Amino acid sequence: MLSKLIAKLNKKKPTEKIQVSKTHKPKQNKNKVKPTRIGELGEYKINIQLDQLPRECRYLSDLLLPNPKAKSGYSQIDHVIFTPYGIFVVETKNYAGTISGDRENSQWTVNGKFKMVNPFNQNYGHIKAMQSILTSVEESNIISMVSFTKRCTFRVNPELRKIQSNDLIVYDVELSEYITRKLNVLKLQYQKAIFSNEELLHMYNKLKEVNITDSKIREKHVELLKAKSEKETSVDAKQDKVNTCKTCGREVSEKVKAFCLSNSERFKGNVYCYEHQKVVEKIRENLIN
């Protein structure tokens, strides 16, 4: 009896498992930059470059100006640089790939496939909106510049890269270099400043005053542009999917379409079926003869 009691007392108690609750620290959200509109980060890089321009130069970025001729009623200008020898209006783009086009084309392409509005035509609308406010500024004293990131390769008319042109396509990292070079050309051309410091300050203040900062108006503007872009993309996709003869509306093969488009001089960028290709050829021969 005693031995059983001693054995019972010496029996080890099972070890209790103590669960230690681990305190999980909430994951810290890294501060993320949320651009309020497409291209803001790229434009910030450009602003750093523009800060390096000569002291007599002034610039404004992200302007929203009234424009009755625009579908949204406004024009959004990425950058305007005021200098004694001319005004630079800059449109920034954030595409990646091969950019193809000419100043005379209504549309350009990215990688030969995706269509985009000719950026110089787009910038021309911005320039006109600016001129409606700065009425004394002549078009000859305005330089239109389109800036792309280094993720792009240019396959454009070489004239658009020559510093003598008033329509210049540049990479964002060389923007200040091109402006400086262009200013040197204009100094030699005009010998003396076109705009005085007082005129530059007046134009700067005028655009700054007219600039629309209301967030609701800006959001509405972006929404209208997005809707317009989606509609154009839908139309382009439909046209690319179905190839039809311009004259009779008959559907043609991809081979026929490619033949017509590759002979732009004969068919002026239009697509015709075999029958109406012959008709067009006869009309063309009669005109030549």
C-alpha atoms as a PDB file:
ATOM      1  CA  MET A   1       0.000   0.000   0.000  1.00  0.00           C
ATOM      2  CA  LEU A   2       2.824   2.351   0.983  1.00  0.00           C
ATOM      3  CA  SER A   3       4.781   1.489  -2.138  1.00  0.00           C
ATOM      4  CA  LYS A   4       1.814   2.294  -4.292  1.00  0.00           C
ATOM      5  CA  LEU A   5       1.418   5.667  -2.572  1.00  0.00           C
ATOM      6  CA  ILE A   6       5.105   6.550  -3.073  1.00  0.00           C
ATOM      7  CA  ALA A   7       4.917   5.535  -6.732  1.00  0.00           C
ATOM      8  CA  LYS A   8       1.883   7.711  -7.200  1.00  0.00           C
ATOM      9  CA  LEU A   9       3.605  10.719  -5.621  1.00  0.00           C
ATOM     10  CA  ASN A  10       6.747  10.242  -7.746  1.00  0.00           C
ATOM     11  CA  LYS A  11       4.771   9.983 -10.962  1.00  0.00           C
ATOM     12  CA  LYS A  12       5.635  12.918 -13.203  1.00  0.00           C
ATOM     13  CA  LYS A  13       2.917  15.287 -14.090  1.00  0.00           C
ATOM     14  CA  PRO A  14       2.471  15.907 -17.803  1.00  0.00           C
ATOM     15  CA  THR A  15       4.128  19.098 -18.923  1.00  0.00           C
ATOM     16  CA  GLU A  16       1.608  21.750 -19.733  1.00  0.00           C
ATOM     17  CA  LYS A  17       2.124  23.385 -23.086  1.00  0.00           C
ATOM     18  CA  ILE A  18       1.973  27.088 -22.736  1.00  0.00           C
ATOM     19  CA  GLN A  19       0.886  28.823 -25.897  1.00  0.00           C
ATOM     20  CA  VAL A  20       2.599  32.115 -26.270  1.00  0.00           C
ATOM     21  CA  SER A  21       0.583  34.450 -28.397  1.00  0.00           C
ATOM     22  CA  LYS A  22       2.815  36.137 -30.898  1.00  0.00           C
ATOM     23  CA  THR A  23       2.084  39.744 -31.483  1.00  0.00           C
ATOM     24  CA  HIS A  24       2.064  40.273 -35.232  1.00  0.00           C
ATOM     25  CA  LYS A  25       3.109  43.727 -36.197  1.00  0.00           C
ATOM     26  CA  PRO A  26       0.965  45.141 -38.968  1.00  0.00           C
ATOM     27  CA  LYS A  27       2.791  45.376 -42.255  1.00  0.00           C
ATOM     28  CA  GLN A  28       3.958  48.847 -42.851  1.00  0.00           C
ATOM     29  CA  ASN A  29       2.639  50.279 -46.102  1.00  0.00           C
ATOM     30  CA  LYS A  30       5.455  51.891 -47.966  1.00  0.00           C
ATOM     31  CA  ASN A  31       4.721  55.354 -49.090  1.00  0.00           C
ATOM     32  CA  LYS A  32       3.662  55.102 -52.681  1.00  0.00           C
ATOM     33  CA  VAL A  33       3.527  58.018 -55.017  1.00  0.00           C
ATOM     34  CA  LYS A  34       0.077  58.183 -56.535  1.00  0.00           C
ATOM     35  CA  PRO A  35       0.136  60.406 -59.590  1.00  0.00           C
ATOM     36  CA  THR A  36      -2.995  62.496 -59.931  1.00  0.00           C
ATOM     37  CA  ARG A  37      -2.789  62.097 -63.691  1.00  0.00           C
ATOM     38  CA  ILE A  38      -0.920  60.113 -66.320  1.00  0.00           C
ATOM     39  CA  GLY A  39       2.651  61.243 -66.871  1.00  0.00           C
ATOM     40  CA  GLU A  40       3.067  63.233 -63.659  1.00  0.00           C
ATOM     41  CA  LEU A  41       6.234  61.423 -62.647  1.00  0.00           C
ATOM     42  CA  GLY A  42       7.839  61.992 -66.033  1.00  0.00           C
ATOM     43  CA  GLU A  43       6.883  65.641 -65.919  1.00  0.00           C
ATOM     44  CA  TYR A  44       8.460  65.958 -62.477  1.00  0.00           C
ATOM     45  CA  LYS A  45      11.764  64.796 -63.978  1.00  0.00           C
ATOM     46  CA  ILE A  46      11.373  67.464 -66.632  1.00  0.00           C
ATOM     47  CA  ASN A  47      10.695  70.134 -64.000  1.00  0.00           C
ATOM     48  CA  ILE A  48      14.092  69.353 -62.466  1.00  0.00           C
ATOM     49  CA  GLN A  49      15.714  70.027 -65.839  1.00  0.00           C
ATOM     50  CA  LEU A  50      13.756  73.237 -66.355  1.00  0.00           C
ATOM     51  CA  ASP A  51      15.028  74.520 -63.006  1.00  0.00           C
ATOM     52  CA  GLN A  52      18.502  74.516 -64.548  1.00  0.00           C
ATOM     53  CA  LEU A  53      17.599  76.957 -67.349  1.00  0.00           C
ATOM     54  CA  PRO A  54      18.949  80.549 -67.276  1.00  0.00           C
ATOM     55  CA  ARG A  55      17.502  82.867 -64.643  1.00  0.00           C
ATOM     56  CA  GLU A  56      15.612  84.980 -67.169  1.00  0.00           C
ATOM     57  CA  CYS A  57      13.545  81.933 -68.166  1.00  0.00           C
ATOM     58  CA  ARG A  58      10.287  81.094 -66.409  1.00  0.00           C
ATOM     59  CA  TYR A  59       8.069  78.046 -66.718  1.00  0.00           C
ATOM     60  CA  LEU A  60       4.648  76.726 -65.748  1.00  0.00           C
ATOM     61  CA  SER A  61       3.628  73.063 -65.605  1.00  0.00           C
ATOM     62  CA  ASP A  62       0.310  71.214 -65.785  1.00  0.00           C
ATOM     63  CA  LEU A  63      -1.859  74.038 -67.080  1.00  0.00           C
ATOM     64  CA  LEU A  64      -5.553  73.555 -67.784  1.00  0.00           C
ATOM     65  CA  LEU A  65      -6.797  76.348 -70.034  1.00  0.00           C
ATOM     66  CA  PRO A  66     -10.262  77.029 -71.481  1.00  0.00           C
ATOM     67  CA  ASN A  67     -10.539  75.928 -75.103  1.00  0.00           C
ATOM     68  CA  PRO A  68     -14.003  76.110 -76.718  1.00  0.00           C
ATOM     69  CA  LYS A  69     -12.711  74.197 -79.753  1.00  0.00           C
ATOM     70  CA  ALA A  70     -11.705  71.151 -77.693  1.00  0.00           C
ATOM     71  CA  LYS A  71     -14.305  68.446 -77.061  1.00  0.00           C
ATOM     72  CA  SER A  72     -13.784  68.659 -73.320  1.00  0.00           C
ATOM     73  CA  GLY A  73     -13.817  72.467 -73.425  1.00  0.00           C
ATOM     74  CA  TYR A  74     -10.248  72.630 -72.123  1.00  0.00           C
ATOM     75  CA  SER A  75      -6.643  72.103 -73.153  1.00  0.00           C
ATOM     76  CA  GLN A  76      -4.150  70.571 -70.758  1.00  0.00           C
ATOM     77  CA  ILE A  77      -0.591  71.752 -71.365  1.00  0.00           C
ATOM     78  CA  ASP A  78       2.267  69.881 -69.730  1.00  0.00           C
ATOM     79  CA  HIS A  79       4.870  72.664 -69.764  1.00  0.00           C
ATOM     80  CA  VAL A  80       5.220  76.238 -71.031  1.00  0.00           C
ATOM     81  CA  ILE A  81       8.674  77.844 -70.904  1.00  0.00           C
ATOM     82  CA  PHE A  82       8.949  81.611 -71.316  1.00  0.00           C
ATOM     83  CA  THR A  83      12.288  82.867 -72.657  1.00  0.00           C
ATOM     84  CA  PRO A  84      13.398  86.219 -74.111  1.00  0.00           C
ATOM     85  CA  TYR A  85      13.704  84.638 -77.573  1.00  0.00           C
ATOM     86  CA  GLY A  86      10.610  82.460 -77.773  1.00  0.00           C
ATOM     87  CA  ILE A  87       8.009  80.427 -75.930  1.00  0.00           C
ATOM     88  CA  PHE A  88       8.388  76.646 -75.711  1.00  0.00           C
ATOM     89  CA  VAL A  89       5.234  74.521 -75.382  1.00  0.00           C
ATOM     90  CA  VAL A  90       6.025  70.953 -74.346  1.00  0.00           C
ATOM     91  CA  GLU A  91       3.836  67.866 -74.646  1.00  0.00           C
ATOM     92  CA  THR A  92       5.139  64.821 -72.723  1.00  0.00           C
ATOM     93  CA  LYS A  93       4.473  61.202 -73.680  1.00  0.00           C
ATOM     94  CA  ASN A  94       5.054  57.992 -71.716  1.00  0.00           C
ATOM     95  CA  TYR A  95       4.929  55.328 -74.407  1.00  0.00           C
ATOM     96  CA  ALA A  96       7.430  52.490 -74.744  1.00  0.00           C
ATOM     97  CA  GLY A  97       8.513  51.132 -78.128  1.00  0.00           C
ATOM     98  CA  THR A  98       9.257  52.407 -81.615  1.00  0.00           C
ATOM     99  CA  ILE A  99       7.563  55.712 -82.408  1.00  0.00           C
ATOM    100  CA  SER A 100       6.852  56.166 -86.116  1.00  0.00           C
ATOM    101  CA  GLY A 101       5.390  59.177 -87.891  1.00  0.00           C
ATOM    102  CA  ASP A 102       5.821  62.410 -89.795  1.00  0.00           C
ATOM    103  CA  ARG A 103       4.674  65.943 -89.141  1.00  0.00           C
ATOM    104  CA  GLU A 104       2.097  65.629 -91.934  1.00  0.00           C
ATOM    105  CA  ASN A 105       0.540  62.383 -90.647  1.00  0.00           C
ATOM    106  CA  SER A 106      -2.698  62.676 -88.688  1.00  0.00           C
ATOM    107  CA  GLN A 107      -1.800  59.523 -86.766  1.00  0.00           C
ATOM    108  CA  TRP A 108       1.451  58.002 -85.545  1.00  0.00           C
ATOM    109  CA  THR A 109       2.081  54.447 -84.439  1.00  0.00           C
ATOM    110  CA  VAL A 110       3.789  52.692 -81.546  1.00  0.00           C
ATOM    111  CA  ASN A 111       5.636  49.547 -82.626  1.00  0.00           C
ATOM    112  CA  GLY A 112       3.909  49.837 -86.003  1.00  0.00           C
ATOM    113  CA  LYS A 113       0.647  48.612 -84.503  1.00  0.00           C
ATOM    114  CA  PHE A 114      -0.905  50.870 -81.893  1.00  0.00           C
ATOM    115  CA  LYS A 115      -2.198  54.183 -83.180  1.00  0.00           C
ATOM    116  CA  MET A 116      -1.781  57.529 -81.471  1.00  0.00           C
ATOM    117  CA  VAL A 117      -2.801  61.050 -82.443  1.00  0.00           C
ATOM    118  CA  ASN A 118       0.022  63.013 -84.039  1.00  0.00           C
ATOM    119  CA  PRO A 119       1.459  64.653 -80.889  1.00  0.00           C
ATOM    120  CA  PHE A 120       2.357  67.828 -82.798  1.00  0.00           C
ATOM    121  CA  ASN A 121      -1.261  68.215 -83.924  1.00  0.00           C
ATOM    122  CA  GLN A 122      -2.297  67.734 -80.317  1.00  0.00           C
ATOM    123  CA  ASN A 123       0.234  70.315 -79.161  1.00  0.00           C
ATOM    124  CA  TYR A 124      -0.925  72.715 -81.882  1.00  0.00           C
ATOM    125  CA  GLY A 125      -4.349  72.743 -80.220  1.00  0.00           C
ATOM    126  CA  HIS A 126      -2.659  73.578 -76.931  1.00  0.00           C
ATOM    127  CA  ILE A 127      -0.718  76.395 -78.558  1.00  0.00           C
ATOM    128  CA  LYS A 128      -3.893  77.884 -80.018  1.00  0.00           C
ATOM    129  CA  ALA A 129      -5.538  77.771 -76.584  1.00  0.00           C
ATOM    130  CA  MET A 130      -2.543  79.606 -75.147  1.00  0.00           C
ATOM    131  CA  GLN A 131      -2.569  82.182 -77.952  1.00  0.00           C
ATOM    132  CA  SER A 132      -6.234  82.923 -77.278  1.00  0.00           C
ATOM    133  CA  ILE A 133      -5.065  84.204 -73.893  1.00  0.00           C
ATOM    134  CA  LEU A 134      -1.687  85.652 -74.893  1.00  0.00           C
ATOM    135  CA  THR A 135      -3.028  87.375 -78.001  1.00  0.00           C
ATOM    136  CA  SER A 136       0.150  89.346 -78.737  1.00  0.00           C
ATOM    137  CA  VAL A 137       2.296  86.209 -79.166  1.00  0.00           C
ATOM    138  CA  GLU A 138       2.839  85.231 -82.800  1.00  0.00           C
ATOM    139  CA  GLU A 139       3.007  81.605 -83.874  1.00  0.00           C
ATOM    140  CA  SER A 140       6.482  82.110 -85.346  1.00  0.00           C
ATOM    141  CA  ASN A 141       7.766  82.827 -81.842  1.00  0.00           C
ATOM    142  CA  ILE A 142       6.476  79.540 -80.421  1.00  0.00           C
ATOM    143  CA  ILE A 143       8.454  76.302 -80.430  1.00  0.00           C
ATOM    144  CA  SER A 144       6.433  73.084 -80.201  1.00  0.00           C
ATOM    145  CA  MET A 145       8.271  70.253 -78.455  1.00  0.00           C
ATOM    146  CA  VAL A 146       7.189  66.653 -77.865  1.00  0.00           C
ATOM    147  CA  SER A 147       9.096  64.703 -75.235  1.00  0.00           C
ATOM    148  CA  PHE A 148       9.276  60.900 -74.975  1.00  0.00           C
ATOM    149  CA  THR A 149      11.029  58.727 -72.392  1.00  0.00           C
ATOM    150  CA  LYS A 150      14.167  56.763 -73.213  1.00  0.00           C
ATOM    151  CA  ARG A 151      12.004  53.652 -73.395  1.00  0.00           C
ATOM    152  CA  CYS A 152      11.256  54.773 -76.948  1.00  0.00           C
ATOM    153  CA  THR A 153      13.094  54.644 -80.243  1.00  0.00           C
ATOM    154  CA  PHE A 154      12.330  57.283 -82.864  1.00  0.00           C
ATOM    155  CA  ARG A 155      11.540  56.388 -86.454  1.00  0.00           C
ATOM    156  CA  VAL A 156      10.402  59.832 -87.526  1.00  0.00           C
ATOM    157  CA  ASN A 157      11.225  62.465 -90.125  1.00  0.00           C
ATOM    158  CA  PRO A 158      14.838  63.543 -89.370  1.00  0.00           C
ATOM    159  CA  GLU A 159      13.749  67.191 -89.688  1.00  0.00           C
ATOM    160  CA  LEU A 160      11.918  66.838 -86.372  1.00  0.00           C
ATOM    161  CA  ARG A 161      15.257  66.242 -84.656  1.00  0.00           C
ATOM    162  CA  LYS A 162      17.073  69.188 -86.234  1.00  0.00           C
ATOM    163  CA  ILE A 163      17.530  72.171 -83.948  1.00  0.00           C
ATOM    164  CA  GLN A 164      16.518  74.627 -86.708  1.00  0.00           C
ATOM    165  CA  SER A 165      12.946  73.296 -86.671  1.00  0.00           C
ATOM    166  CA  ASN A 166      10.173  74.828 -84.585  1.00  0.00           C
ATOM    167  CA  ASP A 167       8.674  71.336 -84.233  1.00  0.00           C
ATOM    168  CA  LEU A 168      11.078  69.207 -82.199  1.00  0.00           C
ATOM    169  CA  ILE A 169      10.805  65.649 -80.893  1.00  0.00           C
ATOM    170  CA  VAL A 170      13.180  64.892 -78.004  1.00  0.00           C
ATOM    171  CA  TYR A 171      13.872  62.442 -75.217  1.00  0.00           C
ATOM    172  CA  ASP A 172      12.949  63.699 -71.759  1.00  0.00           C
ATOM    173  CA  VAL A 173      16.579  63.531 -70.572  1.00  0.00           C
ATOM    174  CA  GLU A 174      17.723  65.892 -73.319  1.00  0.00           C
ATOM    175  CA  LEU A 175      14.939  68.466 -73.072  1.00  0.00           C
ATOM    176  CA  SER A 176      16.964  71.200 -71.344  1.00  0.00           C
ATOM    177  CA  GLU A 177      19.845  70.567 -73.753  1.00  0.00           C
ATOM    178  CA  TYR A 178      17.576  71.067 -76.781  1.00  0.00           C
ATOM    179  CA  ILE A 179      16.031  74.202 -75.298  1.00  0.00           C
ATOM    180  CA  THR A 180      19.476  75.669 -74.642  1.00  0.00           C
ATOM    181  CA  ARG A 181      20.670  74.818 -78.152  1.00  0.00           C
ATOM    182  CA  LYS A 182      17.504  76.244 -79.673  1.00  0.00           C
ATOM    183  CA  LEU A 183      17.937  79.451 -77.669  1.00  0.00           C
ATOM    184  CA  ASN A 184      21.466  79.826 -79.026  1.00  0.00           C
ATOM    185  CA  VAL A 185      20.109  79.522 -82.590  1.00  0.00           C
ATOM    186  CA  LEU A 186      17.374  82.095 -81.872  1.00  0.00           C
ATOM    187  CA  LYS A 187      19.883  84.521 -80.350  1.00  0.00           C
ATOM    188  CA  LEU A 188      21.915  84.423 -83.564  1.00  0.00           C
ATOM    189  CA  GLN A 189      18.758  84.750 -85.653  1.00  0.00           C
ATOM    190  CA  TYR A 190      17.208  87.741 -83.847  1.00  0.00           C
ATOM    191  CA  GLN A 191      20.342  89.413 -82.415  1.00  0.00           C
ATOM    192  CA  LYS A 192      18.247  90.915 -79.599  1.00  0.00           C
ATOM    193  CA  ALA A 193      15.525  89.675 -77.278  1.00  0.00           C
ATOM    194  CA  ILE A 194      11.954  89.512 -78.595  1.00  0.00           C
ATOM    195  CA  PHE A 195      10.342  89.684 -75.157  1.00  0.00           C
ATOM    196  CA  SER A 196      11.420  91.962 -72.311  1.00  0.00           C
ATOM    197  CA  ASN A 197      11.549  90.796 -68.691  1.00  0.00           C
ATOM    198  CA  GLU A 198       8.330  92.725 -68.027  1.00  0.00           C
ATOM    199  CA  GLU A 199       6.569  91.004 -70.948  1.00  0.00           C
ATOM    200  CA  LEU A 200       7.750  87.594 -69.790  1.00  0.00           C
ATOM    201  CA  LEU A 201       6.485  88.256 -66.277  1.00  0.00           C
ATOM    202  CA  HIS A 202       3.149  89.512 -67.620  1.00  0.00           C
ATOM    203  CA  MET A 203       2.629  86.402 -69.791  1.00  0.00           C
ATOM    204  CA  TYR A 204       3.676  84.134 -66.927  1.00  0.00           C
ATOM    205  CA  ASN A 205       1.235  85.757 -64.508  1.00  0.00           C
ATOM    206  CA  LYS A 206      -1.568  85.814 -67.105  1.00  0.00           C
ATOM    207  CA  LEU A 207      -1.439  82.064 -67.751  1.00  0.00           C
ATOM    208  CA  LYS A 208      -1.022  81.334 -64.064  1.00  0.00           C
ATOM    209  CA  GLU A 209      -4.125  83.402 -63.349  1.00  0.00           C
ATOM    210  CA  VAL A 210      -6.237  81.690 -66.038  1.00  0.00           C
ATOM    211  CA  ASN A 211      -5.034  78.189 -65.120  1.00  0.00           C
ATOM    212  CA  ILE A 212      -7.935  76.090 -63.793  1.00  0.00           C
ATOM    213  CA  THR A 213      -7.072  74.386 -60.504  1.00  0.00           C
ATOM    214  CA  ASP A 214     -10.549  73.144 -59.567  1.00  0.00           C
ATOM    215  CA  SER A 215     -10.135  69.387 -58.988  1.00  0.00           C
ATOM    216  CA  LYS A 216     -13.675  68.534 -60.144  1.00  0.00           C
ATOM    217  CA  ILE A 217     -13.204  70.295 -63.489  1.00  0.00           C
ATOM    218  CA  ARG A 218      -9.850  68.573 -63.957  1.00  0.00           C
ATOM    219  CA  GLU A 219     -11.319  65.150 -63.180  1.00  0.00           C
ATOM    220  CA  LYS A 220     -14.173  65.741 -65.622  1.00  0.00           C
ATOM    221  CA  HIS A 221     -11.668  66.760 -68.299  1.00  0.00           C
ATOM    222  CA  VAL A 222      -9.711  63.524 -67.807  1.00  0.00           C
ATOM    223  CA  GLU A 223     -12.911  61.447 -67.912  1.00  0.00           C
ATOM    224  CA  LEU A 224     -13.985  63.009 -71.224  1.00  0.00           C
ATOM    225  CA  LEU A 225     -10.558  62.402 -72.756  1.00  0.00           C
ATOM    226  CA  LYS A 226     -10.602  58.784 -71.569  1.00  0.00           C
ATOM    227  CA  ALA A 227     -14.070  58.202 -73.049  1.00  0.00           C
ATOM    228  CA  LYS A 228     -12.962  59.758 -76.346  1.00  0.00           C
ATOM    229  CA  SER A 229      -9.838  57.574 -76.439  1.00  0.00           C
ATOM    230  CA  GLU A 230     -11.821  54.387 -75.746  1.00  0.00           C
ATOM    231  CA  LYS A 231     -14.310  55.249 -78.487  1.00  0.00           C
ATOM    232  CA  GLU A 232     -11.548  55.855 -81.048  1.00  0.00           C
ATOM    233  CA  THR A 233      -9.833  52.597 -80.045  1.00  0.00           C
ATOM    234  CA  SER A 234     -13.104  50.719 -80.512  1.00  0.00           C
ATOM    235  CA  VAL A 235     -13.629  52.203 -83.977  1.00  0.00           C
ATOM    236  CA  ASP A 236     -10.046  51.406 -84.999  1.00  0.00           C
ATOM    237  CA  ALA A 237     -10.401  47.830 -83.769  1.00  0.00           C
ATOM    238  CA  LYS A 238     -13.607  47.383 -85.749  1.00  0.00           C
ATOM    239  CA  GLN A 239     -12.024  48.765 -88.896  1.00  0.00           C
ATOM    240  CA  ASP A 240      -8.983  46.534 -88.464  1.00  0.00           C
ATOM    241  CA  LYS A 241     -11.164  43.469 -87.955  1.00  0.00           C
ATOM    242  CA  VAL A 242     -13.313  43.909 -91.060  1.00  0.00           C
ATOM    243  CA  ASN A 243     -11.640  44.882 -94.326  1.00  0.00           C
ATOM    244  CA  THR A 244     -14.061  46.228 -96.879  1.00  0.00           C
ATOM    245  CA  CYS A 245     -13.857  47.859-100.281  1.00  0.00           C
ATOM    246  CA  LYS A 246     -14.354  51.613-100.054  1.00  0.00           C
ATOM    247  CA  THR A 247     -16.552  51.663-103.182  1.00  0.00           C
ATOM    248  CA  CYS A 248     -18.824  48.632-102.886  1.00  0.00           C
ATOM    249  CA  GLY A 249     -18.396  47.654 -99.232  1.00  0.00           C
ATOM    250  CA  ARG A 250     -17.499  44.074-100.149  1.00  0.00           C
ATOM    251  CA  GLU A 251     -15.251  42.322 -97.630  1.00  0.00           C
ATOM    252  CA  VAL A 252     -11.702  41.687 -98.851  1.00  0.00           C
ATOM    253  CA  SER A 253      -8.841  39.534 -97.606  1.00  0.00           C
ATOM    254  CA  GLU A 254      -5.866  40.709 -95.544  1.00  0.00           C
ATOM    255  CA  LYS A 255      -3.713  40.178 -98.635  1.00  0.00           C
ATOM    256  CA  VAL A 256      -5.839  42.578-100.705  1.00  0.00           C
ATOM    257  CA  LYS A 257      -5.857  45.124 -97.911  1.00  0.00           C
ATOM    258  CA  ALA A 258      -2.064  44.919 -97.544  1.00  0.00           C
ATOM    259  CA  PHE A 259      -1.648  45.332-101.322  1.00  0.00           C
ATOM    260  CA  CYS A 260      -3.790  48.479-101.416  1.00  0.00           C
ATOM    261  CA  LEU A 261      -2.123  50.058 -98.393  1.00  0.00           C
ATOM    262  CA  SER A 262       1.355  49.309 -99.700  1.00  0.00           C
ATOM    263  CA  ASN A 263       0.454  51.159-102.930  1.00  0.00           C
ATOM    264  CA  SER A 264      -0.548  54.429-101.280  1.00  0.00           C
ATOM    265  CA  GLU A 265       0.256  56.498-104.370  1.00  0.00           C
ATOM    266  CA  ARG A 266      -2.261  54.534-106.435  1.00  0.00           C
ATOM    267  CA  PHE A 267      -5.020  54.039-103.854  1.00  0.00           C
ATOM    268  CA  LYS A 268      -4.421  57.019-101.505  1.00  0.00           C
ATOM    269  CA  GLY A 269      -4.551  54.844 -98.384  1.00  0.00           C
ATOM    270  CA  ASN A 270      -7.927  53.305 -99.288  1.00  0.00           C
ATOM    271  CA  VAL A 271      -8.828  49.614 -99.675  1.00  0.00           C
ATOM    272  CA  TYR A 272     -10.549  48.333-102.843  1.00  0.00           C
ATOM    273  CA  CYS A 273     -11.649  44.912-104.050  1.00  0.00           C
ATOM    274  CA  TYR A 274     -10.047  43.512-107.248  1.00  0.00           C
ATOM    275  CA  GLU A 275     -12.823  44.886-109.453  1.00  0.00           C
ATOM    276  CA  HIS A 276     -12.633  48.429-108.122  1.00  0.00           C
ATOM    277  CA  GLN A 277      -8.842  48.423-108.090  1.00  0.00           C
ATOM    278  CA  LYS A 278      -9.108  48.261-111.898  1.00  0.00           C
ATOM    279  CA  VAL A 279     -11.643  51.108-111.893  1.00  0.00           C
ATOM    280  CA  VAL A 280      -9.346  53.283-109.820  1.00  0.00           C
ATOM    281  CA  GLU A 281      -6.433  52.458-112.118  1.00  0.00           C
ATOM    282  CA  LYS A 282      -8.421  53.502-115.217  1.00  0.00           C
ATOM    283  CA  ILE A 283      -9.458  56.784-113.624  1.00  0.00           C
ATOM    284  CA  ARG A 284      -5.855  57.432-112.652  1.00  0.00           C
ATOM    285  CA  GLU A 285      -4.581  56.691-116.191  1.00  0.00           C
ATOM    286  CA  ASN A 286      -7.186  59.039-117.715  1.00  0.00           C
ATOM    287  CA  LEU A 287      -6.122  61.822-115.380  1.00  0.00           C
ATOM    288  CA  ILE A 288      -2.460  61.350-116.265  1.00  0.00           C
ATOM    289  CA  ASN A 289      -3.152  61.235-120.006  1.00  0.00           C
END
